[in-house]
Amino acid sequence: MFIRTASVGPWGTNCHVVALGTGSECLIIDPGLGASEFVTQITAEFRLKPVAVLATHGHVDHIWNLYPVATDLQIPAVIHRKDRMFLTNPANAVSPEGAKVVASLTPDQPWLEPSELIEVGDIAELNFAGFNIKVFSTPGHTAGSVCFEFNHDQLFTGDLLFKNAIGRTDLFSGDEKQMQKSLANVMSSYADDVLIFPGHGDNSTIGDERKNNPYLQNLKMS
């Protein structure tokens, strides 16, 4: 499995390009500000053909380049139905300070839905680029947050679970109780050797987070 990640934009958002190997179709996960350049570079270097762009949730740092990437490459975009609203008005999902940052960085940024948009619910499977992808609903950071499971052993966690940290719940549609439930569901559903690719920071494993993440030590497992 081919995975390349770049930390992009002022929030250091991880944009992932995922494929079976070089010279094959690929997926783009969480194209934040500056991701377009990264995607262009990686796909050209490794002869990849993008076929879809996936969003783990609708926060602006994760979907900033979703519209231009999907539009320029003429590929569908995928987002949970509860976060779809943020595609056209992302300032609703951030703090007042964050909204000012959004307005100042690229004042002419078009906030539009791609012409081909796939809206997923809490239970979904996707078939792209040779992968059967499980959509794992994980509300808490936002109401429409999801994780994407590849090959049963690689999990793209967005802003649910980081290395030694978890996502915040104090922004619009965030919910602390839902976050704790989502974390418990993930930790009880995956083995220690499952790799996690978070929305920010370094990669990790379920086992490392189970052992070392201070936010998981008192987690109530269902």
N, C-alpha and C. Protein backbone atom coordinates (compact mmCIF):
# COMPACT_ATOMS: atom_id res chain seq x y z
N MET A 1 0.85 -1.19 0.00
CA MET A 1 0.00 0.00 0.00
C MET A 1 0.88 1.25 0.00
N PHE A 2 0.54 2.19 -0.85
CA PHE A 2 1.31 3.42 -1.02
C PHE A 2 0.61 4.56 -0.27
N ILE A 3 1.30 5.20 0.66
CA ILE A 3 0.75 6.33 1.40
C ILE A 3 1.80 7.42 1.47
N ARG A 4 1.44 8.60 1.05
CA ARG A 4 2.30 9.76 1.20
C ARG A 4 1.49 10.85 1.92
N THR A 5 2.13 11.52 2.88
CA THR A 5 1.45 12.51 3.71
C THR A 5 2.26 13.79 3.73
N ALA A 6 1.55 14.92 3.69
CA ALA A 6 2.19 16.23 3.85
C ALA A 6 1.39 17.02 4.87
N SER A 7 2.10 17.74 5.72
CA SER A 7 1.47 18.66 6.67
C SER A 7 1.34 20.01 5.98
N VAL A 8 0.10 20.46 5.76
CA VAL A 8 -0.13 21.65 4.93
C VAL A 8 -0.89 22.72 5.71
N GLY A 9 -0.71 23.96 5.26
CA GLY A 9 -1.48 25.08 5.79
C GLY A 9 -1.04 25.53 7.16
N PRO A 10 -1.64 26.62 7.66
CA PRO A 10 -1.24 27.20 8.94
C PRO A 10 -1.57 26.33 10.14
N TRP A 11 -2.47 25.34 9.97
CA TRP A 11 -2.83 24.47 11.08
C TRP A 11 -2.09 23.13 11.03
N GLY A 12 -1.20 22.96 10.07
CA GLY A 12 -0.46 21.71 9.97
C GLY A 12 -1.35 20.51 9.75
N THR A 13 -2.26 20.61 8.80
CA THR A 13 -3.20 19.52 8.53
C THR A 13 -2.55 18.46 7.66
N ASN A 14 -2.71 17.21 8.03
CA ASN A 14 -2.16 16.11 7.25
C ASN A 14 -3.07 15.80 6.06
N CYS A 15 -2.52 15.97 4.87
CA CYS A 15 -3.20 15.53 3.65
C CYS A 15 -2.53 14.24 3.20
N HIS A 16 -3.33 13.20 2.97
CA HIS A 16 -2.81 11.89 2.63
C HIS A 16 -3.17 11.54 1.19
N VAL A 17 -2.24 10.97 0.48
CA VAL A 17 -2.49 10.37 -0.83
C VAL A 17 -2.29 8.87 -0.68
N VAL A 18 -3.32 8.10 -1.05
CA VAL A 18 -3.34 6.66 -0.79
C VAL A 18 -3.58 5.90 -2.09
N ALA A 19 -2.78 4.87 -2.34
CA ALA A 19 -2.92 4.05 -3.54
C ALA A 19 -2.45 2.64 -3.25
N LEU A 20 -2.75 1.72 -4.17
CA LEU A 20 -2.23 0.36 -4.05
C LEU A 20 -0.74 0.31 -4.36
N GLY A 21 -0.28 1.24 -5.20
CA GLY A 21 1.13 1.28 -5.55
C GLY A 21 1.37 2.35 -6.59
N THR A 22 2.59 2.50 -7.02
CA THR A 22 2.89 3.50 -8.04
C THR A 22 2.22 3.11 -9.36
N GLY A 23 1.88 4.14 -10.12
CA GLY A 23 1.26 3.91 -11.42
C GLY A 23 -0.18 3.47 -11.36
N SER A 24 -0.84 3.66 -10.21
CA SER A 24 -2.23 3.20 -10.05
C SER A 24 -3.15 4.36 -9.71
N GLU A 25 -4.43 4.05 -9.56
CA GLU A 25 -5.38 5.05 -9.09
C GLU A 25 -5.09 5.39 -7.63
N CYS A 26 -5.52 6.59 -7.22
CA CYS A 26 -5.25 6.99 -5.84
C CYS A 26 -6.41 7.80 -5.27
N LEU A 27 -6.39 7.94 -3.96
CA LEU A 27 -7.36 8.73 -3.21
C LEU A 27 -6.64 9.85 -2.48
N ILE A 28 -7.34 10.96 -2.29
CA ILE A 28 -6.81 12.10 -1.56
C ILE A 28 -7.67 12.29 -0.32
N ILE A 29 -7.05 12.32 0.85
CA ILE A 29 -7.79 12.47 2.10
C ILE A 29 -7.42 13.78 2.75
N ASP A 30 -8.42 14.61 3.05
CA ASP A 30 -8.28 15.87 3.78
C ASP A 30 -7.34 16.87 3.11
N PRO A 31 -7.76 17.42 1.97
CA PRO A 31 -6.92 18.40 1.26
C PRO A 31 -7.06 19.81 1.85
N GLY A 32 -6.23 20.13 2.82
CA GLY A 32 -6.25 21.45 3.43
C GLY A 32 -5.58 22.50 2.56
N LEU A 33 -5.42 23.68 3.10
CA LEU A 33 -4.80 24.79 2.38
C LEU A 33 -3.37 24.41 1.97
N GLY A 34 -3.09 24.50 0.67
CA GLY A 34 -1.79 24.11 0.16
C GLY A 34 -1.71 22.69 -0.33
N ALA A 35 -2.78 21.92 -0.18
CA ALA A 35 -2.75 20.51 -0.58
C ALA A 35 -2.71 20.33 -2.09
N SER A 36 -3.26 21.28 -2.83
CA SER A 36 -3.29 21.14 -4.29
C SER A 36 -1.89 20.94 -4.86
N GLU A 37 -0.94 21.74 -4.36
CA GLU A 37 0.44 21.63 -4.84
C GLU A 37 1.05 20.27 -4.49
N PHE A 38 0.78 19.81 -3.28
CA PHE A 38 1.28 18.50 -2.84
C PHE A 38 0.70 17.39 -3.70
N VAL A 39 -0.60 17.43 -3.95
CA VAL A 39 -1.25 16.40 -4.76
C VAL A 39 -0.67 16.38 -6.16
N THR A 40 -0.49 17.55 -6.75
CA THR A 40 0.07 17.64 -8.10
C THR A 40 1.47 17.03 -8.16
N GLN A 41 2.27 17.34 -7.16
CA GLN A 41 3.65 16.84 -7.13
C GLN A 41 3.69 15.32 -6.98
N ILE A 42 2.95 14.80 -6.01
CA ILE A 42 3.00 13.36 -5.72
C ILE A 42 2.42 12.54 -6.86
N THR A 43 1.30 12.98 -7.40
CA THR A 43 0.67 12.20 -8.47
C THR A 43 1.53 12.18 -9.73
N ALA A 44 2.22 13.29 -10.01
CA ALA A 44 3.11 13.31 -11.17
C ALA A 44 4.33 12.44 -10.94
N GLU A 45 4.93 12.55 -9.76
CA GLU A 45 6.16 11.81 -9.46
C GLU A 45 5.95 10.31 -9.49
N PHE A 46 4.79 9.86 -8.99
CA PHE A 46 4.57 8.41 -8.87
C PHE A 46 3.52 7.89 -9.87
N ARG A 47 3.19 8.72 -10.85
CA ARG A 47 2.28 8.32 -11.94
C ARG A 47 0.94 7.80 -11.39
N LEU A 48 0.34 8.60 -10.52
CA LEU A 48 -0.92 8.23 -9.89
C LEU A 48 -2.09 8.95 -10.55
N LYS A 49 -3.23 8.30 -10.55
CA LYS A 49 -4.44 8.90 -11.10
C LYS A 49 -5.47 9.08 -9.99
N PRO A 50 -5.70 10.31 -9.53
CA PRO A 50 -6.71 10.53 -8.48
C PRO A 50 -8.11 10.18 -8.97
N VAL A 51 -8.87 9.48 -8.12
CA VAL A 51 -10.24 9.10 -8.50
C VAL A 51 -11.28 9.61 -7.51
N ALA A 52 -10.87 10.09 -6.33
CA ALA A 52 -11.83 10.64 -5.37
C ALA A 52 -11.07 11.37 -4.28
N VAL A 53 -11.75 12.31 -3.65
CA VAL A 53 -11.20 13.03 -2.50
C VAL A 53 -12.13 12.82 -1.32
N LEU A 54 -11.57 12.43 -0.17
CA LEU A 54 -12.35 12.08 1.02
C LEU A 54 -12.08 13.09 2.13
N ALA A 55 -13.13 13.47 2.84
CA ALA A 55 -12.99 14.38 3.98
C ALA A 55 -13.38 13.66 5.26
N THR A 56 -12.47 13.66 6.25
CA THR A 56 -12.81 13.05 7.53
C THR A 56 -13.83 13.88 8.30
N HIS A 57 -13.87 15.17 8.03
CA HIS A 57 -14.88 16.06 8.61
C HIS A 57 -14.83 17.40 7.88
N GLY A 58 -15.72 18.32 8.26
CA GLY A 58 -15.89 19.53 7.48
C GLY A 58 -15.16 20.76 7.96
N HIS A 59 -14.25 20.64 8.91
CA HIS A 59 -13.51 21.82 9.35
C HIS A 59 -12.65 22.36 8.22
N VAL A 60 -12.53 23.68 8.20
CA VAL A 60 -11.91 24.37 7.07
C VAL A 60 -10.48 23.92 6.82
N ASP A 61 -9.75 23.58 7.87
CA ASP A 61 -8.36 23.17 7.66
C ASP A 61 -8.25 21.83 6.95
N HIS A 62 -9.35 21.09 6.88
CA HIS A 62 -9.34 19.80 6.21
C HIS A 62 -10.00 19.84 4.83
N ILE A 63 -10.82 20.86 4.56
CA ILE A 63 -11.54 20.89 3.28
C ILE A 63 -11.20 22.12 2.44
N TRP A 64 -10.18 22.87 2.84
CA TRP A 64 -9.87 24.13 2.17
C TRP A 64 -9.68 23.95 0.66
N ASN A 65 -8.95 22.93 0.27
CA ASN A 65 -8.71 22.68 -1.16
C ASN A 65 -9.58 21.58 -1.72
N LEU A 66 -10.62 21.18 -1.00
CA LEU A 66 -11.48 20.10 -1.50
C LEU A 66 -12.16 20.49 -2.81
N TYR A 67 -12.75 21.67 -2.84
CA TYR A 67 -13.44 22.09 -4.08
C TYR A 67 -12.47 22.22 -5.24
N PRO A 68 -11.36 22.96 -5.10
CA PRO A 68 -10.46 23.07 -6.26
C PRO A 68 -9.85 21.75 -6.70
N VAL A 69 -9.51 20.87 -5.75
CA VAL A 69 -8.93 19.58 -6.13
C VAL A 69 -9.96 18.75 -6.88
N ALA A 70 -11.16 18.64 -6.32
CA ALA A 70 -12.20 17.83 -6.97
C ALA A 70 -12.59 18.41 -8.32
N THR A 71 -12.65 19.73 -8.40
CA THR A 71 -13.06 20.38 -9.65
C THR A 71 -11.98 20.28 -10.71
N ASP A 72 -10.74 20.59 -10.33
CA ASP A 72 -9.65 20.56 -11.31
C ASP A 72 -9.41 19.16 -11.85
N LEU A 73 -9.54 18.16 -10.98
CA LEU A 73 -9.28 16.78 -11.39
C LEU A 73 -10.54 16.06 -11.88
N GLN A 74 -11.69 16.72 -11.74
CA GLN A 74 -12.98 16.16 -12.16
C GLN A 74 -13.24 14.80 -11.52
N ILE A 75 -13.14 14.82 -10.17
CA ILE A 75 -13.36 13.61 -9.40
C ILE A 75 -14.38 13.89 -8.29
N PRO A 76 -15.07 12.88 -7.79
CA PRO A 76 -16.05 13.10 -6.72
C PRO A 76 -15.40 13.37 -5.38
N ALA A 77 -16.14 14.07 -4.53
CA ALA A 77 -15.73 14.31 -3.15
C ALA A 77 -16.70 13.60 -2.22
N VAL A 78 -16.20 13.13 -1.09
CA VAL A 78 -17.00 12.37 -0.13
C VAL A 78 -16.95 13.08 1.22
N ILE A 79 -18.13 13.28 1.82
CA ILE A 79 -18.21 13.87 3.15
C ILE A 79 -19.48 13.35 3.84
N HIS A 80 -19.46 13.30 5.16
CA HIS A 80 -20.64 12.88 5.91
C HIS A 80 -21.74 13.93 5.77
N ARG A 81 -22.97 13.48 5.72
CA ARG A 81 -24.09 14.39 5.48
C ARG A 81 -24.20 15.48 6.54
N LYS A 82 -23.80 15.20 7.79
CA LYS A 82 -23.93 16.19 8.86
C LYS A 82 -22.88 17.28 8.78
N ASP A 83 -21.83 17.07 8.01
CA ASP A 83 -20.80 18.11 7.83
C ASP A 83 -20.84 18.74 6.45
N ARG A 84 -21.78 18.33 5.64
CA ARG A 84 -21.86 18.87 4.27
C ARG A 84 -22.04 20.38 4.29
N MET A 85 -22.77 20.92 5.26
CA MET A 85 -23.05 22.36 5.32
C MET A 85 -21.78 23.21 5.36
N PHE A 86 -20.68 22.63 5.89
CA PHE A 86 -19.46 23.41 6.05
C PHE A 86 -18.74 23.66 4.73
N LEU A 87 -19.07 22.90 3.71
CA LEU A 87 -18.41 23.08 2.42
C LEU A 87 -18.69 24.47 1.84
N THR A 88 -19.88 24.99 2.07
CA THR A 88 -20.23 26.30 1.52
C THR A 88 -20.16 27.42 2.54
N ASN A 89 -19.99 27.08 3.81
CA ASN A 89 -19.87 28.12 4.85
C ASN A 89 -18.98 27.60 5.97
N PRO A 90 -17.68 27.43 5.71
CA PRO A 90 -16.81 26.80 6.70
C PRO A 90 -16.59 27.63 7.94
N ALA A 91 -16.82 28.94 7.89
CA ALA A 91 -16.60 29.79 9.06
C ALA A 91 -17.56 29.44 10.19
N ASN A 92 -18.67 28.78 9.88
CA ASN A 92 -19.62 28.37 10.91
C ASN A 92 -19.02 27.35 11.87
N ALA A 93 -17.97 26.65 11.44
CA ALA A 93 -17.46 25.54 12.23
C ALA A 93 -16.22 25.89 13.02
N VAL A 94 -15.79 27.14 12.98
CA VAL A 94 -14.56 27.51 13.68
C VAL A 94 -14.85 28.61 14.68
N SER A 95 -13.87 28.90 15.52
CA SER A 95 -14.00 29.97 16.49
C SER A 95 -14.00 31.32 15.78
N PRO A 96 -14.45 32.39 16.45
CA PRO A 96 -14.40 33.73 15.83
C PRO A 96 -12.98 34.09 15.38
N GLU A 97 -11.98 33.71 16.18
CA GLU A 97 -10.60 33.98 15.80
C GLU A 97 -10.23 33.20 14.54
N GLY A 98 -10.68 31.94 14.49
CA GLY A 98 -10.41 31.12 13.31
C GLY A 98 -11.08 31.67 12.07
N ALA A 99 -12.29 32.20 12.23
CA ALA A 99 -12.99 32.79 11.10
C ALA A 99 -12.22 33.98 10.53
N LYS A 100 -11.59 34.75 11.40
CA LYS A 100 -10.78 35.89 10.94
C LYS A 100 -9.57 35.40 10.16
N VAL A 101 -8.96 34.31 10.63
CA VAL A 101 -7.82 33.74 9.92
C VAL A 101 -8.25 33.27 8.54
N VAL A 102 -9.39 32.60 8.47
CA VAL A 102 -9.90 32.11 7.20
C VAL A 102 -10.10 33.27 6.23
N ALA A 103 -10.71 34.35 6.71
CA ALA A 103 -10.99 35.50 5.85
C ALA A 103 -9.72 36.19 5.38
N SER A 104 -8.68 36.17 6.21
CA SER A 104 -7.47 36.90 5.87
C SER A 104 -6.53 36.14 4.94
N LEU A 105 -6.57 34.79 5.01
CA LEU A 105 -5.60 34.01 4.25
C LEU A 105 -5.86 34.05 2.75
N THR A 106 -7.04 33.71 2.35
CA THR A 106 -7.39 33.72 0.93
C THR A 106 -8.80 34.30 0.78
N PRO A 107 -8.90 35.65 0.76
CA PRO A 107 -10.22 36.28 0.74
C PRO A 107 -11.07 35.93 -0.48
N ASP A 108 -10.43 35.47 -1.56
CA ASP A 108 -11.18 35.15 -2.77
C ASP A 108 -11.47 33.66 -2.92
N GLN A 109 -11.19 32.89 -1.87
CA GLN A 109 -11.44 31.44 -1.93
C GLN A 109 -12.92 31.16 -2.17
N PRO A 110 -13.26 30.40 -3.22
CA PRO A 110 -14.67 30.05 -3.44
C PRO A 110 -15.10 28.92 -2.52
N TRP A 111 -16.17 29.11 -1.78
CA TRP A 111 -16.68 28.06 -0.91
C TRP A 111 -17.90 27.45 -1.59
N LEU A 112 -17.65 26.43 -2.38
CA LEU A 112 -18.67 25.80 -3.19
C LEU A 112 -18.59 24.29 -3.04
N GLU A 113 -19.69 23.63 -3.33
CA GLU A 113 -19.68 22.17 -3.38
C GLU A 113 -19.16 21.71 -4.74
N PRO A 114 -18.36 20.65 -4.77
CA PRO A 114 -17.98 20.08 -6.06
C PRO A 114 -19.21 19.61 -6.83
N SER A 115 -19.10 19.56 -8.12
CA SER A 115 -20.24 19.16 -8.93
C SER A 115 -20.66 17.73 -8.66
N GLU A 116 -19.71 16.89 -8.28
CA GLU A 116 -20.03 15.50 -7.92
C GLU A 116 -19.68 15.29 -6.45
N LEU A 117 -20.70 15.21 -5.62
CA LEU A 117 -20.52 15.07 -4.18
C LEU A 117 -21.23 13.81 -3.70
N ILE A 118 -20.51 12.98 -2.97
CA ILE A 118 -21.08 11.76 -2.40
C ILE A 118 -21.26 11.99 -0.91
N GLU A 119 -22.50 11.96 -0.48
CA GLU A 119 -22.85 12.18 0.92
C GLU A 119 -23.02 10.83 1.60
N VAL A 120 -22.26 10.58 2.66
CA VAL A 120 -22.36 9.30 3.36
C VAL A 120 -23.06 9.49 4.71
N GLY A 121 -23.64 8.40 5.21
CA GLY A 121 -24.26 8.39 6.52
C GLY A 121 -23.37 7.71 7.53
N ASP A 122 -23.96 7.25 8.62
CA ASP A 122 -23.18 6.67 9.72
C ASP A 122 -22.61 5.30 9.38
N ILE A 123 -23.24 4.60 8.45
CA ILE A 123 -22.75 3.29 8.02
C ILE A 123 -22.59 3.32 6.51
N ALA A 124 -21.36 3.14 6.05
CA ALA A 124 -21.12 3.22 4.61
C ALA A 124 -19.87 2.45 4.24
N GLU A 125 -19.83 2.00 3.01
CA GLU A 125 -18.62 1.43 2.42
C GLU A 125 -18.40 2.09 1.07
N LEU A 126 -17.15 2.35 0.77
CA LEU A 126 -16.78 2.98 -0.48
C LEU A 126 -15.86 2.06 -1.26
N ASN A 127 -15.97 2.10 -2.58
CA ASN A 127 -15.09 1.31 -3.42
C ASN A 127 -14.42 2.25 -4.43
N PHE A 128 -13.16 2.55 -4.15
CA PHE A 128 -12.37 3.42 -5.02
C PHE A 128 -10.95 2.90 -5.09
N ALA A 129 -10.32 3.07 -6.24
CA ALA A 129 -8.88 2.82 -6.41
C ALA A 129 -8.46 1.41 -5.99
N GLY A 130 -9.39 0.45 -6.10
CA GLY A 130 -9.08 -0.92 -5.73
C GLY A 130 -9.25 -1.23 -4.26
N PHE A 131 -9.73 -0.28 -3.49
CA PHE A 131 -9.93 -0.46 -2.05
C PHE A 131 -11.41 -0.60 -1.73
N ASN A 132 -11.72 -1.45 -0.75
CA ASN A 132 -13.02 -1.45 -0.10
C ASN A 132 -12.84 -0.71 1.22
N ILE A 133 -13.40 0.47 1.33
CA ILE A 133 -13.14 1.38 2.44
C ILE A 133 -14.35 1.42 3.36
N LYS A 134 -14.12 1.13 4.63
CA LYS A 134 -15.19 1.24 5.62
C LYS A 134 -15.21 2.66 6.18
N VAL A 135 -16.39 3.26 6.18
CA VAL A 135 -16.57 4.57 6.79
C VAL A 135 -17.05 4.34 8.22
N PHE A 136 -16.24 4.74 9.19
CA PHE A 136 -16.50 4.51 10.61
C PHE A 136 -16.94 5.83 11.21
N SER A 137 -18.24 5.97 11.51
CA SER A 137 -18.76 7.23 12.06
C SER A 137 -18.20 7.49 13.45
N THR A 138 -17.63 8.70 13.66
CA THR A 138 -16.99 9.03 14.94
C THR A 138 -17.35 10.46 15.37
N PRO A 139 -18.61 10.76 15.63
CA PRO A 139 -18.98 12.11 16.04
C PRO A 139 -18.34 12.50 17.37
N GLY A 140 -18.18 13.79 17.56
CA GLY A 140 -17.57 14.30 18.78
C GLY A 140 -16.78 15.56 18.48
N HIS A 141 -15.82 15.46 17.57
CA HIS A 141 -15.10 16.64 17.11
C HIS A 141 -16.03 17.51 16.28
N THR A 142 -16.75 16.88 15.36
CA THR A 142 -17.91 17.46 14.69
C THR A 142 -18.97 16.37 14.63
N ALA A 143 -20.20 16.77 14.32
CA ALA A 143 -21.28 15.78 14.24
C ALA A 143 -21.06 14.79 13.11
N GLY A 144 -20.38 15.23 12.05
CA GLY A 144 -20.18 14.38 10.88
C GLY A 144 -18.78 13.83 10.73
N SER A 145 -18.03 13.77 11.81
CA SER A 145 -16.68 13.22 11.74
C SER A 145 -16.72 11.72 11.45
N VAL A 146 -15.78 11.27 10.63
CA VAL A 146 -15.65 9.84 10.32
C VAL A 146 -14.19 9.46 10.29
N CYS A 147 -13.94 8.16 10.44
CA CYS A 147 -12.63 7.57 10.15
C CYS A 147 -12.80 6.71 8.90
N PHE A 148 -11.70 6.55 8.16
CA PHE A 148 -11.70 5.70 6.98
C PHE A 148 -10.78 4.51 7.23
N GLU A 149 -11.35 3.31 7.15
CA GLU A 149 -10.59 2.08 7.38
C GLU A 149 -10.21 1.44 6.05
N PHE A 150 -8.90 1.21 5.88
CA PHE A 150 -8.38 0.53 4.70
C PHE A 150 -7.79 -0.81 5.12
N ASN A 151 -8.16 -1.87 4.41
CA ASN A 151 -7.53 -3.19 4.58
C ASN A 151 -7.61 -3.72 6.01
N HIS A 152 -8.54 -3.23 6.81
CA HIS A 152 -8.76 -3.70 8.18
C HIS A 152 -7.60 -3.37 9.13
N ASP A 153 -6.53 -2.76 8.63
CA ASP A 153 -5.39 -2.52 9.52
C ASP A 153 -4.78 -1.13 9.39
N GLN A 154 -5.46 -0.24 8.67
CA GLN A 154 -4.97 1.13 8.54
C GLN A 154 -6.17 2.07 8.66
N LEU A 155 -6.06 3.00 9.59
CA LEU A 155 -7.20 3.84 9.95
C LEU A 155 -6.81 5.31 9.86
N PHE A 156 -7.53 6.05 9.03
CA PHE A 156 -7.32 7.49 8.91
C PHE A 156 -8.31 8.16 9.85
N THR A 157 -7.80 8.74 10.94
CA THR A 157 -8.64 9.13 12.07
C THR A 157 -9.06 10.59 12.09
N GLY A 158 -8.60 11.39 11.12
CA GLY A 158 -8.99 12.80 11.14
C GLY A 158 -8.62 13.46 12.45
N ASP A 159 -9.57 14.18 13.03
CA ASP A 159 -9.32 14.86 14.30
C ASP A 159 -9.99 14.16 15.48
N LEU A 160 -10.22 12.85 15.33
CA LEU A 160 -10.69 12.06 16.46
C LEU A 160 -9.52 11.71 17.38
N LEU A 161 -8.52 11.08 16.81
CA LEU A 161 -7.42 10.51 17.60
C LEU A 161 -6.09 10.88 16.99
N PHE A 162 -5.23 11.47 17.81
CA PHE A 162 -3.88 11.83 17.42
C PHE A 162 -2.87 10.99 18.21
N LYS A 163 -1.61 11.14 17.89
CA LYS A 163 -0.56 10.55 18.71
C LYS A 163 -0.51 11.30 20.04
N ASN A 164 -0.86 10.61 21.11
CA ASN A 164 -0.85 11.15 22.48
C ASN A 164 -1.84 12.30 22.70
N ALA A 165 -2.88 12.38 21.89
CA ALA A 165 -3.88 13.44 22.06
C ALA A 165 -5.17 13.02 21.38
N ILE A 166 -6.21 13.82 21.57
CA ILE A 166 -7.49 13.63 20.89
C ILE A 166 -7.98 14.99 20.40
N GLY A 167 -9.03 14.98 19.58
CA GLY A 167 -9.56 16.22 19.04
C GLY A 167 -10.36 17.02 20.06
N ARG A 168 -10.46 18.30 19.81
CA ARG A 168 -11.23 19.19 20.67
C ARG A 168 -12.72 19.05 20.39
N THR A 169 -13.54 19.47 21.36
CA THR A 169 -15.00 19.31 21.22
C THR A 169 -15.75 20.62 21.48
N ASP A 170 -15.02 21.73 21.52
CA ASP A 170 -15.64 23.00 21.92
C ASP A 170 -16.07 23.86 20.75
N LEU A 171 -15.99 23.36 19.51
CA LEU A 171 -16.45 24.11 18.36
C LEU A 171 -17.85 23.65 17.96
N PHE A 172 -18.45 24.33 17.00
CA PHE A 172 -19.81 24.06 16.58
C PHE A 172 -19.98 22.58 16.22
N SER A 173 -21.00 21.97 16.76
CA SER A 173 -21.41 20.57 16.61
C SER A 173 -20.48 19.59 17.32
N GLY A 174 -19.49 20.10 18.06
CA GLY A 174 -18.67 19.22 18.89
C GLY A 174 -19.44 18.77 20.12
N ASP A 175 -19.08 17.60 20.65
CA ASP A 175 -19.82 17.04 21.78
C ASP A 175 -18.89 16.12 22.56
N GLU A 176 -18.60 16.46 23.80
CA GLU A 176 -17.65 15.69 24.60
C GLU A 176 -18.13 14.26 24.85
N LYS A 177 -19.41 14.08 25.15
CA LYS A 177 -19.92 12.73 25.40
C LYS A 177 -19.82 11.87 24.14
N GLN A 178 -20.16 12.48 23.00
CA GLN A 178 -20.05 11.74 21.74
C GLN A 178 -18.60 11.40 21.44
N MET A 179 -17.69 12.32 21.76
CA MET A 179 -16.27 12.06 21.54
C MET A 179 -15.80 10.86 22.35
N GLN A 180 -16.17 10.82 23.61
CA GLN A 180 -15.77 9.70 24.45
C GLN A 180 -16.35 8.38 23.93
N LYS A 181 -17.59 8.42 23.47
CA LYS A 181 -18.22 7.21 22.93
C LYS A 181 -17.51 6.78 21.64
N SER A 182 -17.18 7.73 20.78
CA SER A 182 -16.50 7.41 19.52
C SER A 182 -15.12 6.82 19.78
N LEU A 183 -14.39 7.41 20.72
CA LEU A 183 -13.08 6.88 21.07
C LEU A 183 -13.18 5.46 21.60
N ALA A 184 -14.17 5.23 22.46
CA ALA A 184 -14.37 3.88 23.01
C ALA A 184 -14.71 2.89 21.91
N ASN A 185 -15.53 3.30 20.95
CA ASN A 185 -15.89 2.41 19.84
C ASN A 185 -14.67 2.04 19.01
N VAL A 186 -13.84 3.03 18.73
CA VAL A 186 -12.64 2.77 17.92
C VAL A 186 -11.67 1.86 18.68
N MET A 187 -11.43 2.18 19.94
CA MET A 187 -10.44 1.41 20.70
C MET A 187 -10.89 -0.03 20.94
N SER A 188 -12.20 -0.24 20.99
CA SER A 188 -12.70 -1.60 21.19
C SER A 188 -12.86 -2.36 19.88
N SER A 189 -12.76 -1.67 18.75
CA SER A 189 -13.00 -2.31 17.46
C SER A 189 -11.73 -2.70 16.73
N TYR A 190 -10.58 -2.15 17.15
CA TYR A 190 -9.35 -2.37 16.40
C TYR A 190 -8.24 -2.93 17.28
N ALA A 191 -7.44 -3.80 16.66
CA ALA A 191 -6.34 -4.45 17.37
C ALA A 191 -5.15 -3.50 17.54
N ASP A 192 -4.24 -3.88 18.41
CA ASP A 192 -3.11 -3.02 18.74
C ASP A 192 -2.25 -2.69 17.53
N ASP A 193 -2.15 -3.60 16.56
CA ASP A 193 -1.23 -3.38 15.44
C ASP A 193 -1.82 -2.53 14.32
N VAL A 194 -3.06 -2.07 14.47
CA VAL A 194 -3.66 -1.21 13.45
C VAL A 194 -2.96 0.14 13.43
N LEU A 195 -2.53 0.55 12.25
CA LEU A 195 -1.87 1.85 12.09
C LEU A 195 -2.90 2.95 12.05
N ILE A 196 -2.58 4.09 12.67
CA ILE A 196 -3.46 5.24 12.57
C ILE A 196 -2.71 6.38 11.89
N PHE A 197 -3.43 7.04 10.98
CA PHE A 197 -2.93 8.20 10.24
C PHE A 197 -3.83 9.37 10.61
N PRO A 198 -3.39 10.22 11.53
CA PRO A 198 -4.27 11.27 12.06
C PRO A 198 -4.31 12.51 11.18
N GLY A 199 -5.22 13.41 11.54
CA GLY A 199 -5.37 14.66 10.80
C GLY A 199 -4.29 15.68 11.09
N HIS A 200 -3.55 15.49 12.18
CA HIS A 200 -2.44 16.37 12.54
C HIS A 200 -1.38 15.54 13.26
N GLY A 201 -0.13 15.88 13.09
CA GLY A 201 0.92 15.21 13.85
C GLY A 201 1.37 13.89 13.26
N ASP A 202 2.12 13.15 14.08
CA ASP A 202 2.75 11.91 13.63
C ASP A 202 1.78 10.74 13.61
N ASN A 203 2.12 9.74 12.80
CA ASN A 203 1.36 8.50 12.77
C ASN A 203 1.60 7.71 14.06
N SER A 204 0.74 6.72 14.31
CA SER A 204 0.88 5.90 15.51
C SER A 204 0.19 4.57 15.27
N THR A 205 -0.05 3.84 16.33
CA THR A 205 -0.82 2.60 16.26
C THR A 205 -1.87 2.62 17.37
N ILE A 206 -2.88 1.80 17.21
CA ILE A 206 -3.90 1.68 18.26
C ILE A 206 -3.24 1.23 19.57
N GLY A 207 -2.31 0.29 19.48
CA GLY A 207 -1.67 -0.21 20.70
C GLY A 207 -0.86 0.85 21.41
N ASP A 208 -0.12 1.66 20.66
CA ASP A 208 0.66 2.73 21.28
C ASP A 208 -0.24 3.74 21.96
N GLU A 209 -1.37 4.06 21.32
CA GLU A 209 -2.29 5.03 21.93
C GLU A 209 -3.00 4.43 23.13
N ARG A 210 -3.33 3.16 23.05
CA ARG A 210 -3.95 2.50 24.20
C ARG A 210 -3.03 2.56 25.42
N LYS A 211 -1.74 2.44 25.17
CA LYS A 211 -0.77 2.40 26.25
C LYS A 211 -0.33 3.79 26.71
N ASN A 212 -0.16 4.72 25.77
CA ASN A 212 0.53 5.98 26.08
C ASN A 212 -0.33 7.24 26.04
N ASN A 213 -1.48 7.18 25.40
CA ASN A 213 -2.28 8.40 25.24
C ASN A 213 -2.97 8.73 26.56
N PRO A 214 -2.64 9.88 27.18
CA PRO A 214 -3.21 10.18 28.50
C PRO A 214 -4.72 10.39 28.46
N TYR A 215 -5.26 10.74 27.30
CA TYR A 215 -6.70 10.99 27.19
C TYR A 215 -7.52 9.70 27.08
N LEU A 216 -6.83 8.58 26.94
CA LEU A 216 -7.53 7.31 26.82
C LEU A 216 -7.45 6.44 28.07
N GLN A 217 -6.69 6.89 29.05
CA GLN A 217 -6.43 6.03 30.20
C GLN A 217 -7.67 5.76 31.05
N ASN A 218 -8.57 6.71 31.10
CA ASN A 218 -9.81 6.51 31.90
C ASN A 218 -11.04 6.35 31.01
N LEU A 219 -10.80 5.94 29.78
CA LEU A 219 -11.89 5.79 28.83
C LEU A 219 -12.78 4.63 29.26
N LYS A 220 -14.09 4.87 29.26
CA LYS A 220 -15.05 3.83 29.60
C LYS A 220 -15.42 3.06 28.35
N MET A 221 -14.97 1.81 28.29
CA MET A 221 -15.23 0.99 27.12
C MET A 221 -16.64 0.42 27.18
N SER A 222 -17.30 0.43 26.05
CA SER A 222 -18.67 -0.09 26.00
C SER A 222 -18.66 -1.61 25.90
